Amino acid sequence: MNITKSDWTKHDDIVTGIWKFGPDVSPMAIGMFASTWLEEDGDRILQLYSRKCSKDQHGLGFMYRFTEESHGPFFHRMTDRLKRTFGNGFVGWDTSSPTWIIK
């Protein structure tokens, strides 16, 4: 399949990323957090999944449509919540916006 420029769509209002958790945070705990987040913010969550990130980490991947002027307020709100929920078990992230969706 050849991808052309018309297959790409830039979204300035979508942040894509992954929150990373240490070995003390179980996939079940991540799933429970995700379930709560979906209940509260489900209309803005476009994609949500959990996966292994490295030798001993798991992650919660997401695609989220923010309503603020930039993804900064979303990022600060969520990292604060994740730190309060998981403490030192929340070990990092990789998030960015804009997002280009390919077909």
Protein backbone atom coordinates (compact mmCIF):
# COMPACT_ATOMS: atom_id res chain seq x y z
CA MET A 1 0.00 0.00 0.00
CA ASN A 2 1.36 3.39 -0.96
CA ILE A 3 0.68 6.21 1.46
CA THR A 4 0.16 9.63 -0.03
CA LYS A 5 -0.03 13.08 1.55
CA SER A 6 -3.82 12.87 1.38
CA ASP A 7 -3.65 9.91 3.79
CA TRP A 8 -2.08 12.10 6.49
CA THR A 9 -4.10 14.35 8.75
CA LYS A 10 -2.45 16.70 11.26
CA HIS A 11 -4.33 17.18 14.55
CA ASP A 12 -3.16 20.09 16.69
CA ASP A 13 -5.70 19.14 19.37
CA ILE A 14 -4.58 15.53 19.89
CA VAL A 15 -1.81 14.42 22.22
CA THR A 16 -0.41 10.91 21.85
CA GLY A 17 1.78 9.19 24.36
CA ILE A 18 2.50 6.54 26.91
CA TRP A 19 2.66 6.72 30.70
CA LYS A 20 5.28 4.30 32.09
CA PHE A 21 5.10 2.32 35.32
CA GLY A 22 7.70 0.40 37.29
CA PRO A 23 7.60 -3.31 38.16
CA ASP A 24 5.66 -2.72 41.39
CA VAL A 25 2.63 -1.51 39.43
CA SER A 26 0.63 -4.42 38.07
CA PRO A 27 -1.11 -4.43 34.70
CA MET A 28 -4.35 -4.85 36.69
CA ALA A 29 -3.69 -1.60 38.61
CA ILE A 30 -3.00 0.18 35.31
CA GLY A 31 -6.23 -1.24 33.91
CA MET A 32 -8.22 -0.05 36.92
CA PHE A 33 -6.77 3.45 36.51
CA ALA A 34 -7.62 3.35 32.79
CA SER A 35 -11.18 2.26 33.55
CA THR A 36 -11.69 5.21 35.90
CA TRP A 37 -10.15 7.60 33.38
CA LEU A 38 -12.49 6.27 30.68
CA GLU A 39 -15.51 6.86 32.91
CA GLU A 40 -14.45 10.45 33.55
CA ASP A 41 -12.98 11.48 30.20
CA GLY A 42 -14.11 8.81 27.74
CA ASP A 43 -15.47 11.22 25.14
CA ARG A 44 -11.96 12.69 24.68
CA ILE A 45 -9.99 9.43 24.77
CA LEU A 46 -9.62 8.25 21.19
CA GLN A 47 -7.42 5.24 21.91
CA LEU A 48 -6.24 3.53 25.07
CA TYR A 49 -4.10 0.42 25.48
CA SER A 50 -1.63 -1.18 27.86
CA ARG A 51 1.64 -2.78 26.81
CA LYS A 52 5.04 -3.85 28.06
CA CYS A 53 7.56 -1.01 27.72
CA SER A 54 10.89 -2.49 28.70
CA LYS A 55 12.35 -5.35 30.67
CA ASP A 56 10.35 -4.56 33.79
CA GLN A 57 7.94 -1.75 32.88
CA HIS A 58 4.37 -1.59 31.67
CA GLY A 59 2.72 1.35 30.00
CA LEU A 60 -0.62 2.94 29.35
CA GLY A 61 -0.71 4.25 25.79
CA PHE A 62 -3.25 6.80 24.74
CA MET A 63 -4.50 9.20 22.12
CA TYR A 64 -6.42 12.09 23.69
CA ARG A 65 -8.26 15.10 22.24
CA PHE A 66 -7.63 18.06 24.54
CA THR A 67 -9.83 21.14 24.75
CA GLU A 68 -7.27 23.51 26.24
CA GLU A 69 -5.14 25.80 24.08
CA SER A 70 -2.21 23.36 24.27
CA HIS A 71 -1.60 19.90 25.69
CA GLY A 72 0.33 21.42 28.64
CA PRO A 73 -2.63 21.70 31.06
CA PHE A 74 -3.68 18.11 30.24
CA PHE A 75 -0.12 16.89 30.76
CA HIS A 76 0.26 18.61 34.14
CA ARG A 77 -3.17 17.48 35.33
CA MET A 78 -2.51 13.87 34.38
CA THR A 79 1.09 13.60 35.62
CA ASP A 80 -0.02 15.06 38.97
CA ARG A 81 -2.83 12.51 39.18
CA LEU A 82 -0.55 9.63 38.19
CA LYS A 83 2.07 10.66 40.78
CA ARG A 84 -0.59 10.85 43.51
CA THR A 85 -2.08 7.50 42.48
CA PHE A 86 1.10 5.47 41.88
CA GLY A 87 3.83 7.38 43.74
CA ASN A 88 7.29 6.19 42.72
CA GLY A 89 5.63 3.47 40.62
CA PHE A 90 4.92 6.10 37.98
CA VAL A 91 8.33 6.25 36.35
CA GLY A 92 7.98 8.31 33.18
CA TRP A 93 6.25 9.27 30.00
CA ASP A 94 6.63 10.03 26.35
CA THR A 95 3.92 12.42 25.14
CA SER A 96 3.67 14.91 22.33
CA SER A 97 1.36 17.00 20.23
CA PRO A 98 0.46 17.60 17.43
CA THR A 99 -0.36 14.14 16.16
CA TRP A 100 -0.46 13.09 12.52
CA ILE A 101 -2.94 10.32 11.87
CA ILE A 102 -2.18 8.16 8.87
CA LYS A 103 -5.34 6.77 7.35
